Structures are given as structure tokens and as C-alpha cells.
Amino acid sequence: MEQQVKFQDEQKAIRKKEEQLELKNAQGTTRKLKEKFHTWKMLWKINEFSRIMREAKNEEKKHKECDPFYTDIPGYKLKVLFCPNGLDLARILTSRSTSLS
């Protein structure tokens, strides 16, 4: 009987250590995700800028959008729109709903 109690105590201790390790790993993952997505800075590297400018001048593609990002946890989900030839805001507002997002 004493061995069984000792074995159960050892099993509980092992489970507790496993849970602590899982929690530590989850906290590390959360920290890494926060650092990656919630830096309060937006850095967007635009590849093939010359091609994008050429397409905009030829009116093939008027804008380029970045991947969505969050401002904080919880925060606003935003997306940056790059318009090389400028933005006709009046046309956009009349062709869409009255709110910007």
C-alpha cells in the first residue's frame, strides 16, 4: 500500500512538471507572437516597386494592399493600401459604403 501511494505521488509530481513545461512553452509562444505582430510599428517592404509603378501608370492595377495586422491585443485589425498614382477618395466613398475600414 505504501508503494502505491508513493507511486501515485510520483505520478502527480511528473504531471505537474509536464503542465509547468507546457505552460512555459505556451508563454514563450505567446511572447514570440506578440513580438511579431504587435510592435506598434508597421514595416512593409514592397518588392518589385518599378513593376507596381508601371502597372499603376497603365491602370492595370491601381493599388497594392499589405497583409492585415493588429494594433494590439485586443486591438484593431488594419491593412495598409498603397496607391502609387494617388487615391480618388471621392470615387471610393461613392462606390462603397459610407464607412472606411
PDB file of N, CA and C in Angstrom:
ATOM      1  N   MET A   1       0.819  -1.193   0.000  1.00  0.00           N
ATOM      2  CA  MET A   1       0.000   0.000   0.000  1.00  0.00           C
ATOM      3  C   MET A   1       0.862   1.256   0.000  1.00  0.00           C
ATOM      4  N   GLU A   2       1.916   1.247   0.767  1.00  0.00           N
ATOM      5  CA  GLU A   2       2.822   2.386   0.852  1.00  0.00           C
ATOM      6  C   GLU A   2       3.486   2.654  -0.492  1.00  0.00           C
ATOM      7  N   GLN A   3       3.829   1.591  -1.219  1.00  0.00           N
ATOM      8  CA  GLN A   3       4.445   1.748  -2.540  1.00  0.00           C
ATOM      9  C   GLN A   3       3.465   2.371  -3.523  1.00  0.00           C
ATOM     10  N   GLN A   4       2.204   1.976  -3.416  1.00  0.00           N
ATOM     11  CA  GLN A   4       1.184   2.517  -4.323  1.00  0.00           C
ATOM     12  C   GLN A   4       1.001   4.014  -4.087  1.00  0.00           C
ATOM     13  N   VAL A   5       0.983   4.451  -2.839  1.00  0.00           N
ATOM     14  CA  VAL A   5       0.842   5.862  -2.511  1.00  0.00           C
ATOM     15  C   VAL A   5       2.057   6.630  -3.023  1.00  0.00           C
ATOM     16  N   LYS A   6       3.241   6.054  -2.840  1.00  0.00           N
ATOM     17  CA  LYS A   6       4.479   6.687  -3.314  1.00  0.00           C
ATOM     18  C   LYS A   6       4.461   6.816  -4.835  1.00  0.00           C
ATOM     19  N   PHE A   7       4.010   5.751  -5.512  1.00  0.00           N
ATOM     20  CA  PHE A   7       3.924   5.760  -6.974  1.00  0.00           C
ATOM     21  C   PHE A   7       2.948   6.833  -7.455  1.00  0.00           C
ATOM     22  N   GLN A   8       1.792   6.940  -6.788  1.00  0.00           N
ATOM     23  CA  GLN A   8       0.799   7.950  -7.158  1.00  0.00           C
ATOM     24  C   GLN A   8       1.345   9.366  -6.946  1.00  0.00           C
ATOM     25  N   ASP A   9       2.078   9.567  -5.864  1.00  0.00           N
ATOM     26  CA  ASP A   9       2.686  10.870  -5.608  1.00  0.00           C
ATOM     27  C   ASP A   9       3.706  11.226  -6.685  1.00  0.00           C
ATOM     28  N   GLU A  10       4.495  10.223  -7.097  1.00  0.00           N
ATOM     29  CA  GLU A  10       5.483  10.454  -8.156  1.00  0.00           C
ATOM     30  C   GLU A  10       4.786  10.790  -9.466  1.00  0.00           C
ATOM     31  N   GLN A  11       3.691  10.111  -9.760  1.00  0.00           N
ATOM     32  CA  GLN A  11       2.932  10.379 -10.987  1.00  0.00           C
ATOM     33  C   GLN A  11       2.356  11.794 -10.965  1.00  0.00           C
ATOM     34  N   LYS A  12       1.838  12.220  -9.814  1.00  0.00           N
ATOM     35  CA  LYS A  12       1.312  13.581  -9.684  1.00  0.00           C
ATOM     36  C   LYS A  12       2.416  14.607  -9.890  1.00  0.00           C
ATOM     37  N   ALA A  13       3.597  14.338  -9.339  1.00  0.00           N
ATOM     38  CA  ALA A  13       4.725  15.260  -9.485  1.00  0.00           C
ATOM     39  C   ALA A  13       5.152  15.355 -10.942  1.00  0.00           C
ATOM     40  N   ILE A  14       5.164  14.222 -11.637  1.00  0.00           N
ATOM     41  CA  ILE A  14       5.530  14.205 -13.063  1.00  0.00           C
ATOM     42  C   ILE A  14       4.506  15.004 -13.878  1.00  0.00           C
ATOM     43  N   ARG A  15       3.207  14.781 -13.607  1.00  0.00           N
ATOM     44  CA  ARG A  15       2.160  15.516 -14.329  1.00  0.00           C
ATOM     45  C   ARG A  15       2.275  17.023 -14.078  1.00  0.00           C
ATOM     46  N   LYS A  16       2.584  17.389 -12.836  1.00  0.00           N
ATOM     47  CA  LYS A  16       2.722  18.803 -12.505  1.00  0.00           C
ATOM     48  C   LYS A  16       3.890  19.425 -13.260  1.00  0.00           C
ATOM     49  N   LYS A  17       5.013  18.710 -13.347  1.00  0.00           N
ATOM     50  CA  LYS A  17       6.169  19.216 -14.093  1.00  0.00           C
ATOM     51  C   LYS A  17       5.847  19.334 -15.577  1.00  0.00           C
ATOM     52  N   GLU A  18       5.115  18.357 -16.116  1.00  0.00           N
ATOM     53  CA  GLU A  18       4.712  18.415 -17.525  1.00  0.00           C
ATOM     54  C   GLU A  18       3.811  19.618 -17.778  1.00  0.00           C
ATOM     55  N   GLU A  19       2.867  19.862 -16.875  1.00  0.00           N
ATOM     56  CA  GLU A  19       1.971  21.009 -17.023  1.00  0.00           C
ATOM     57  C   GLU A  19       2.744  22.322 -16.954  1.00  0.00           C
ATOM     58  N   GLN A  20       3.710  22.396 -16.054  1.00  0.00           N
ATOM     59  CA  GLN A  20       4.527  23.604 -15.938  1.00  0.00           C
ATOM     60  C   GLN A  20       5.337  23.829 -17.214  1.00  0.00           C
ATOM     61  N   LEU A  21       5.862  22.743 -17.784  1.00  0.00           N
ATOM     62  CA  LEU A  21       6.625  22.847 -19.025  1.00  0.00           C
ATOM     63  C   LEU A  21       5.732  23.293 -20.178  1.00  0.00           C
ATOM     64  N   GLU A  22       4.523  22.732 -20.261  1.00  0.00           N
ATOM     65  CA  GLU A  22       3.580  23.144 -21.305  1.00  0.00           C
ATOM     66  C   GLU A  22       3.216  24.614 -21.159  1.00  0.00           C
ATOM     67  N   LEU A  23       2.991  25.049 -19.925  1.00  0.00           N
ATOM     68  CA  LEU A  23       2.666  26.451 -19.683  1.00  0.00           C
ATOM     69  C   LEU A  23       3.826  27.356 -20.083  1.00  0.00           C
ATOM     70  N   LYS A  24       5.027  26.958 -19.734  1.00  0.00           N
ATOM     71  CA  LYS A  24       6.208  27.755 -20.095  1.00  0.00           C
ATOM     72  C   LYS A  24       6.344  27.846 -21.612  1.00  0.00           C
ATOM     73  N   ASN A  25       6.127  26.727 -22.315  1.00  0.00           N
ATOM     74  CA  ASN A  25       6.200  26.733 -23.777  1.00  0.00           C
ATOM     75  C   ASN A  25       5.113  27.622 -24.378  1.00  0.00           C
ATOM     76  N   ALA A  26       3.909  27.559 -23.825  1.00  0.00           N
ATOM     77  CA  ALA A  26       2.807  28.391 -24.321  1.00  0.00           C
ATOM     78  C   ALA A  26       3.102  29.870 -24.090  1.00  0.00           C
ATOM     79  N   GLN A  27       3.664  30.194 -22.935  1.00  0.00           N
ATOM     80  CA  GLN A  27       4.005  31.588 -22.651  1.00  0.00           C
ATOM     81  C   GLN A  27       5.087  32.079 -23.608  1.00  0.00           C
ATOM     82  N   GLY A  28       6.060  31.214 -23.918  1.00  0.00           N
ATOM     83  CA  GLY A  28       7.107  31.586 -24.871  1.00  0.00           C
ATOM     84  C   GLY A  28       6.537  31.819 -26.259  1.00  0.00           C
ATOM     85  N   THR A  29       5.620  30.957 -26.682  1.00  0.00           N
ATOM     86  CA  THR A  29       4.986  31.111 -27.987  1.00  0.00           C
ATOM     87  C   THR A  29       4.169  32.399 -28.038  1.00  0.00           C
ATOM     88  N   THR A  30       3.434  32.683 -26.974  1.00  0.00           N
ATOM     89  CA  THR A  30       2.644  33.910 -26.906  1.00  0.00           C
ATOM     90  C   THR A  30       3.540  35.137 -26.996  1.00  0.00           C
ATOM     91  N   ARG A  31       4.648  35.114 -26.279  1.00  0.00           N
ATOM     92  CA  ARG A  31       5.584  36.244 -26.311  1.00  0.00           C
ATOM     93  C   ARG A  31       6.127  36.449 -27.719  1.00  0.00           C
ATOM     94  N   LYS A  32       6.497  35.353 -28.388  1.00  0.00           N
ATOM     95  CA  LYS A  32       7.034  35.464 -29.749  1.00  0.00           C
ATOM     96  C   LYS A  32       5.994  36.027 -30.709  1.00  0.00           C
ATOM     97  N   LEU A  33       4.746  35.581 -30.571  1.00  0.00           N
ATOM     98  CA  LEU A  33       3.687  36.098 -31.435  1.00  0.00           C
ATOM     99  C   LEU A  33       3.433  37.579 -31.175  1.00  0.00           C
ATOM    100  N   LYS A  34       3.455  37.975 -29.908  1.00  0.00           N
ATOM    101  CA  LYS A  34       3.283  39.395 -29.596  1.00  0.00           C
ATOM    102  C   LYS A  34       4.390  40.229 -30.217  1.00  0.00           C
ATOM    103  N   GLU A  35       5.620  39.732 -30.118  1.00  0.00           N
ATOM    104  CA  GLU A  35       6.744  40.471 -30.693  1.00  0.00           C
ATOM    105  C   GLU A  35       6.619  40.574 -32.201  1.00  0.00           C
ATOM    106  N   LYS A  36       6.097  39.526 -32.823  1.00  0.00           N
ATOM    107  CA  LYS A  36       5.996  39.511 -34.285  1.00  0.00           C
ATOM    108  C   LYS A  36       4.861  40.397 -34.793  1.00  0.00           C
ATOM    109  N   PHE A  37       3.717  40.358 -34.130  1.00  0.00           N
ATOM    110  CA  PHE A  37       2.532  41.018 -34.670  1.00  0.00           C
ATOM    111  C   PHE A  37       2.120  42.297 -33.946  1.00  0.00           C
ATOM    112  N   HIS A  38       2.691  42.599 -32.792  1.00  0.00           N
ATOM    113  CA  HIS A  38       2.228  43.744 -32.018  1.00  0.00           C
ATOM    114  C   HIS A  38       3.409  44.614 -31.599  1.00  0.00           C
ATOM    115  N   THR A  39       4.040  45.216 -32.564  1.00  0.00           N
ATOM    116  CA  THR A  39       5.232  46.003 -32.281  1.00  0.00           C
ATOM    117  C   THR A  39       4.948  47.506 -32.258  1.00  0.00           C
ATOM    118  N   TRP A  40       3.745  47.920 -32.550  1.00  0.00           N
ATOM    119  CA  TRP A  40       3.376  49.328 -32.659  1.00  0.00           C
ATOM    120  C   TRP A  40       4.075  50.005 -33.830  1.00  0.00           C
ATOM    121  N   LYS A  41       4.725  49.233 -34.668  1.00  0.00           N
ATOM    122  CA  LYS A  41       5.360  49.767 -35.873  1.00  0.00           C
ATOM    123  C   LYS A  41       4.866  48.960 -37.057  1.00  0.00           C
ATOM    124  N   MET A  42       4.770  49.617 -38.179  1.00  0.00           N
ATOM    125  CA  MET A  42       4.363  48.936 -39.400  1.00  0.00           C
ATOM    126  C   MET A  42       5.504  49.071 -40.378  1.00  0.00           C
ATOM    127  N   LEU A  43       6.114  47.974 -40.728  1.00  0.00           N
ATOM    128  CA  LEU A  43       7.188  47.961 -41.708  1.00  0.00           C
ATOM    129  C   LEU A  43       6.733  47.081 -42.860  1.00  0.00           C
ATOM    130  N   TRP A  44       6.687  47.661 -44.047  1.00  0.00           N
ATOM    131  CA  TRP A  44       6.194  46.937 -45.213  1.00  0.00           C
ATOM    132  C   TRP A  44       7.216  47.078 -46.319  1.00  0.00           C
ATOM    133  N   LYS A  45       7.848  46.010 -46.680  1.00  0.00           N
ATOM    134  CA  LYS A  45       8.809  46.008 -47.775  1.00  0.00           C
ATOM    135  C   LYS A  45       8.045  45.691 -49.051  1.00  0.00           C
ATOM    136  N   ILE A  46       8.108  46.603 -49.987  1.00  0.00           N
ATOM    137  CA  ILE A  46       7.387  46.437 -51.253  1.00  0.00           C
ATOM    138  C   ILE A  46       8.378  45.965 -52.308  1.00  0.00           C
ATOM    139  N   ASN A  47       8.240  44.721 -52.698  1.00  0.00           N
ATOM    140  CA  ASN A  47       9.106  44.152 -53.731  1.00  0.00           C
ATOM    141  C   ASN A  47       8.612  44.552 -55.118  1.00  0.00           C
ATOM    142  N   GLU A  48       9.513  44.616 -56.061  1.00  0.00           N
ATOM    143  CA  GLU A  48       9.198  44.940 -57.461  1.00  0.00           C
ATOM    144  C   GLU A  48       8.455  46.267 -57.574  1.00  0.00           C
ATOM    145  N   PHE A  49       8.994  47.273 -56.930  1.00  0.00           N
ATOM    146  CA  PHE A  49       8.358  48.589 -56.896  1.00  0.00           C
ATOM    147  C   PHE A  49       8.195  49.165 -58.304  1.00  0.00           C
ATOM    148  N   SER A  50       9.197  48.978 -59.162  1.00  0.00           N
ATOM    149  CA  SER A  50       9.120  49.505 -60.535  1.00  0.00           C
ATOM    150  C   SER A  50       7.945  48.906 -61.290  1.00  0.00           C
ATOM    151  N   ARG A  51       7.730  47.606 -61.130  1.00  0.00           N
ATOM    152  CA  ARG A  51       6.615  46.937 -61.812  1.00  0.00           C
ATOM    153  C   ARG A  51       5.280  47.491 -61.293  1.00  0.00           C
ATOM    154  N   ILE A  52       5.181  47.688 -59.996  1.00  0.00           N
ATOM    155  CA  ILE A  52       3.947  48.209 -59.400  1.00  0.00           C
ATOM    156  C   ILE A  52       3.658  49.617 -59.925  1.00  0.00           C
ATOM    157  N   MET A  53       4.691  50.441 -60.012  1.00  0.00           N
ATOM    158  CA  MET A  53       4.516  51.797 -60.541  1.00  0.00           C
ATOM    159  C   MET A  53       4.077  51.754 -62.012  1.00  0.00           C
ATOM    160  N   ARG A  54       4.686  50.872 -62.791  1.00  0.00           N
ATOM    161  CA  ARG A  54       4.341  50.742 -64.210  1.00  0.00           C
ATOM    162  C   ARG A  54       2.883  50.301 -64.361  1.00  0.00           C
ATOM    163  N   GLU A  55       2.455  49.313 -63.566  1.00  0.00           N
ATOM    164  CA  GLU A  55       1.072  48.843 -63.629  1.00  0.00           C
ATOM    165  C   GLU A  55       0.088  49.946 -63.221  1.00  0.00           C
ATOM    166  N   ALA A  56       0.480  50.750 -62.252  1.00  0.00           N
ATOM    167  CA  ALA A  56      -0.395  51.848 -61.822  1.00  0.00           C
ATOM    168  C   ALA A  56      -0.529  52.901 -62.917  1.00  0.00           C
ATOM    169  N   LYS A  57       0.577  53.233 -63.568  1.00  0.00           N
ATOM    170  CA  LYS A  57       0.522  54.221 -64.648  1.00  0.00           C
ATOM    171  C   LYS A  57      -0.309  53.726 -65.821  1.00  0.00           C
ATOM    172  N   ASN A  58      -0.237  52.418 -66.086  1.00  0.00           N
ATOM    173  CA  ASN A  58      -1.023  51.829 -67.180  1.00  0.00           C
ATOM    174  C   ASN A  58      -2.444  51.481 -66.736  1.00  0.00           C
ATOM    175  N   GLU A  59      -2.755  51.776 -65.483  1.00  0.00           N
ATOM    176  CA  GLU A  59      -4.055  51.490 -64.883  1.00  0.00           C
ATOM    177  C   GLU A  59      -4.417  50.016 -64.941  1.00  0.00           C
ATOM    178  N   GLU A  60      -3.397  49.147 -64.913  1.00  0.00           N
ATOM    179  CA  GLU A  60      -3.648  47.707 -64.843  1.00  0.00           C
ATOM    180  C   GLU A  60      -4.034  47.308 -63.413  1.00  0.00           C
ATOM    181  N   LYS A  61      -3.311  47.855 -62.469  1.00  0.00           N
ATOM    182  CA  LYS A  61      -3.579  47.591 -61.060  1.00  0.00           C
ATOM    183  C   LYS A  61      -3.308  48.887 -60.312  1.00  0.00           C
ATOM    184  N   LYS A  62      -4.351  49.465 -59.729  1.00  0.00           N
ATOM    185  CA  LYS A  62      -4.241  50.813 -59.174  1.00  0.00           C
ATOM    186  C   LYS A  62      -3.681  50.870 -57.756  1.00  0.00           C
ATOM    187  N   HIS A  63      -3.686  49.746 -57.051  1.00  0.00           N
ATOM    188  CA  HIS A  63      -3.196  49.775 -55.674  1.00  0.00           C
ATOM    189  C   HIS A  63      -2.618  48.422 -55.263  1.00  0.00           C
ATOM    190  N   LYS A  64      -1.933  48.428 -54.143  1.00  0.00           N
ATOM    191  CA  LYS A  64      -1.388  47.214 -53.544  1.00  0.00           C
ATOM    192  C   LYS A  64      -1.728  47.250 -52.061  1.00  0.00           C
ATOM    193  N   GLU A  65      -2.130  46.096 -51.517  1.00  0.00           N
ATOM    194  CA  GLU A  65      -2.505  46.006 -50.108  1.00  0.00           C
ATOM    195  C   GLU A  65      -1.488  45.161 -49.348  1.00  0.00           C
ATOM    196  N   CYS A  66      -1.211  45.558 -48.110  1.00  0.00           N
ATOM    197  CA  CYS A  66      -0.338  44.742 -47.267  1.00  0.00           C
ATOM    198  C   CYS A  66      -1.181  43.665 -46.578  1.00  0.00           C
ATOM    199  N   ASP A  67      -0.524  42.722 -45.945  1.00  0.00           N
ATOM    200  CA  ASP A  67      -1.228  41.722 -45.149  1.00  0.00           C
ATOM    201  C   ASP A  67      -1.834  42.411 -43.929  1.00  0.00           C
ATOM    202  N   PRO A  68      -2.990  41.955 -43.473  1.00  0.00           N
ATOM    203  CA  PRO A  68      -3.601  42.565 -42.289  1.00  0.00           C
ATOM    204  C   PRO A  68      -2.722  42.384 -41.046  1.00  0.00           C
ATOM    205  N   PHE A  69      -2.828  43.338 -40.113  1.00  0.00           N
ATOM    206  CA  PHE A  69      -2.092  43.247 -38.860  1.00  0.00           C
ATOM    207  C   PHE A  69      -2.948  43.855 -37.756  1.00  0.00           C
ATOM    208  N   TYR A  70      -2.621  43.525 -36.517  1.00  0.00           N
ATOM    209  CA  TYR A  70      -3.367  44.031 -35.368  1.00  0.00           C
ATOM    210  C   TYR A  70      -2.554  45.095 -34.644  1.00  0.00           C
ATOM    211  N   THR A  71      -3.246  46.090 -34.094  1.00  0.00           N
ATOM    212  CA  THR A  71      -2.567  47.175 -33.402  1.00  0.00           C
ATOM    213  C   THR A  71      -2.160  46.796 -31.989  1.00  0.00           C
ATOM    214  N   ASP A  72      -2.872  45.870 -31.368  1.00  0.00           N
ATOM    215  CA  ASP A  72      -2.580  45.443 -30.005  1.00  0.00           C
ATOM    216  C   ASP A  72      -3.426  44.215 -29.708  1.00  0.00           C
ATOM    217  N   ILE A  73      -3.361  43.732 -28.485  1.00  0.00           N
ATOM    218  CA  ILE A  73      -4.179  42.598 -28.055  1.00  0.00           C
ATOM    219  C   ILE A  73      -5.117  43.093 -26.975  1.00  0.00           C
ATOM    220  N   PRO A  74      -6.416  43.097 -27.048  1.00  0.00           N
ATOM    221  CA  PRO A  74      -7.127  43.085 -28.321  1.00  0.00           C
ATOM    222  C   PRO A  74      -6.924  44.434 -28.991  1.00  0.00           C
ATOM    223  N   GLY A  75      -7.045  44.468 -30.254  1.00  0.00           N
ATOM    224  CA  GLY A  75      -6.798  45.714 -30.968  1.00  0.00           C
ATOM    225  C   GLY A  75      -7.578  45.761 -32.259  1.00  0.00           C
ATOM    226  N   TYR A  76      -7.223  46.725 -33.057  1.00  0.00           N
ATOM    227  CA  TYR A  76      -7.878  46.901 -34.348  1.00  0.00           C
ATOM    228  C   TYR A  76      -7.112  46.128 -35.412  1.00  0.00           C
ATOM    229  N   LYS A  77      -7.849  45.506 -36.304  1.00  0.00           N
ATOM    230  CA  LYS A  77      -7.246  44.836 -37.448  1.00  0.00           C
ATOM    231  C   LYS A  77      -7.172  45.858 -38.577  1.00  0.00           C
ATOM    232  N   LEU A  78      -5.963  46.104 -39.059  1.00  0.00           N
ATOM    233  CA  LEU A  78      -5.753  47.110 -40.091  1.00  0.00           C
ATOM    234  C   LEU A  78      -5.070  46.511 -41.313  1.00  0.00           C
ATOM    235  N   LYS A  79      -5.171  47.262 -42.395  1.00  0.00           N
ATOM    236  CA  LYS A  79      -4.484  46.905 -43.633  1.00  0.00           C
ATOM    237  C   LYS A  79      -4.092  48.210 -44.298  1.00  0.00           C
ATOM    238  N   VAL A  80      -2.882  48.282 -44.822  1.00  0.00           N
ATOM    239  CA  VAL A  80      -2.406  49.494 -45.487  1.00  0.00           C
ATOM    240  C   VAL A  80      -2.595  49.329 -46.988  1.00  0.00           C
ATOM    241  N   LEU A  81      -3.069  50.384 -47.604  1.00  0.00           N
ATOM    242  CA  LEU A  81      -3.303  50.409 -49.043  1.00  0.00           C
ATOM    243  C   LEU A  81      -2.321  51.396 -49.663  1.00  0.00           C
ATOM    244  N   PHE A  82      -1.557  50.948 -50.634  1.00  0.00           N
ATOM    245  CA  PHE A  82      -0.568  51.785 -51.316  1.00  0.00           C
ATOM    246  C   PHE A  82      -1.089  52.097 -52.711  1.00  0.00           C
ATOM    247  N   CYS A  83      -1.241  53.390 -53.006  1.00  0.00           N
ATOM    248  CA  CYS A  83      -1.735  53.840 -54.306  1.00  0.00           C
ATOM    249  C   CYS A  83      -0.662  54.712 -54.944  1.00  0.00           C
ATOM    250  N   PRO A  84       0.147  54.186 -55.858  1.00  0.00           N
ATOM    251  CA  PRO A  84       1.249  54.940 -56.445  1.00  0.00           C
ATOM    252  C   PRO A  84       0.813  56.214 -57.171  1.00  0.00           C
ATOM    253  N   ASN A  85      -0.363  56.201 -57.792  1.00  0.00           N
ATOM    254  CA  ASN A  85      -0.839  57.386 -58.513  1.00  0.00           C
ATOM    255  C   ASN A  85      -1.806  58.219 -57.698  1.00  0.00           C
ATOM    256  N   GLY A  86      -1.850  58.003 -56.418  1.00  0.00           N
ATOM    257  CA  GLY A  86      -2.771  58.741 -55.571  1.00  0.00           C
ATOM    258  C   GLY A  86      -4.087  58.000 -55.433  1.00  0.00           C
ATOM    259  N   LEU A  87      -4.951  58.551 -54.629  1.00  0.00           N
ATOM    260  CA  LEU A  87      -6.206  57.899 -54.295  1.00  0.00           C
ATOM    261  C   LEU A  87      -7.356  58.858 -54.543  1.00  0.00           C
ATOM    262  N   ASP A  88      -8.312  58.420 -55.339  1.00  0.00           N
ATOM    263  CA  ASP A  88      -9.514  59.201 -55.591  1.00  0.00           C
ATOM    264  C   ASP A  88     -10.531  58.822 -54.518  1.00  0.00           C
ATOM    265  N   LEU A  89     -10.419  59.462 -53.365  1.00  0.00           N
ATOM    266  CA  LEU A  89     -11.235  59.113 -52.218  1.00  0.00           C
ATOM    267  C   LEU A  89     -12.728  59.323 -52.480  1.00  0.00           C
ATOM    268  N   ALA A  90     -13.084  60.357 -53.224  1.00  0.00           N
ATOM    269  CA  ALA A  90     -14.496  60.620 -53.515  1.00  0.00           C
ATOM    270  C   ALA A  90     -15.107  59.453 -54.295  1.00  0.00           C
ATOM    271  N   ARG A  91     -14.370  58.934 -55.265  1.00  0.00           N
ATOM    272  CA  ARG A  91     -14.877  57.805 -56.059  1.00  0.00           C
ATOM    273  C   ARG A  91     -15.029  56.560 -55.188  1.00  0.00           C
ATOM    274  N   ILE A  92     -14.077  56.335 -54.306  1.00  0.00           N
ATOM    275  CA  ILE A  92     -14.137  55.164 -53.439  1.00  0.00           C
ATOM    276  C   ILE A  92     -15.313  55.257 -52.477  1.00  0.00           C
ATOM    277  N   LEU A  93     -15.530  56.428 -51.903  1.00  0.00           N
ATOM    278  CA  LEU A  93     -16.623  56.591 -50.952  1.00  0.00           C
ATOM    279  C   LEU A  93     -17.984  56.444 -51.605  1.00  0.00           C
ATOM    280  N   THR A  94     -18.128  56.868 -52.853  1.00  0.00           N
ATOM    281  CA  THR A  94     -19.425  56.740 -53.519  1.00  0.00           C
ATOM    282  C   THR A  94     -19.653  55.330 -54.048  1.00  0.00           C
ATOM    283  N   SER A  95     -18.583  54.572 -54.282  1.00  0.00           N
ATOM    284  CA  SER A  95     -18.760  53.228 -54.822  1.00  0.00           C
ATOM    285  C   SER A  95     -18.863  52.185 -53.712  1.00  0.00           C
ATOM    286  N   ARG A  96     -18.531  52.531 -52.484  1.00  0.00           N
ATOM    287  CA  ARG A  96     -18.614  51.615 -51.352  1.00  0.00           C
ATOM    288  C   ARG A  96     -19.575  52.164 -50.318  1.00  0.00           C
ATOM    289  N   SER A  97     -19.581  51.542 -49.162  1.00  0.00           N
ATOM    290  CA  SER A  97     -20.396  52.050 -48.067  1.00  0.00           C
ATOM    291  C   SER A  97     -19.809  53.366 -47.572  1.00  0.00           C
ATOM    292  N   THR A  98     -20.476  54.012 -46.661  1.00  0.00           N
ATOM    293  CA  THR A  98     -20.028  55.319 -46.197  1.00  0.00           C
ATOM    294  C   THR A  98     -18.965  55.231 -45.123  1.00  0.00           C
ATOM    295  N   SER A  99     -18.575  54.034 -44.706  1.00  0.00           N
ATOM    296  CA  SER A  99     -17.537  53.928 -43.673  1.00  0.00           C
ATOM    297  C   SER A  99     -16.256  53.371 -44.261  1.00  0.00           C
ATOM    298  N   LEU A 100     -15.154  53.870 -43.750  1.00  0.00           N
ATOM    299  CA  LEU A 100     -13.850  53.370 -44.163  1.00  0.00           C
ATOM    300  C   LEU A 100     -13.372  52.320 -43.195  1.00  0.00           C
ATOM    301  N   SER A 101     -12.669  51.341 -43.690  1.00  0.00           N
ATOM    302  CA  SER A 101     -12.103  50.334 -42.792  1.00  0.00           C
ATOM    303  C   SER A 101     -10.729  49.956 -43.254  1.00  0.00           C
TER     304      SER A 101
END
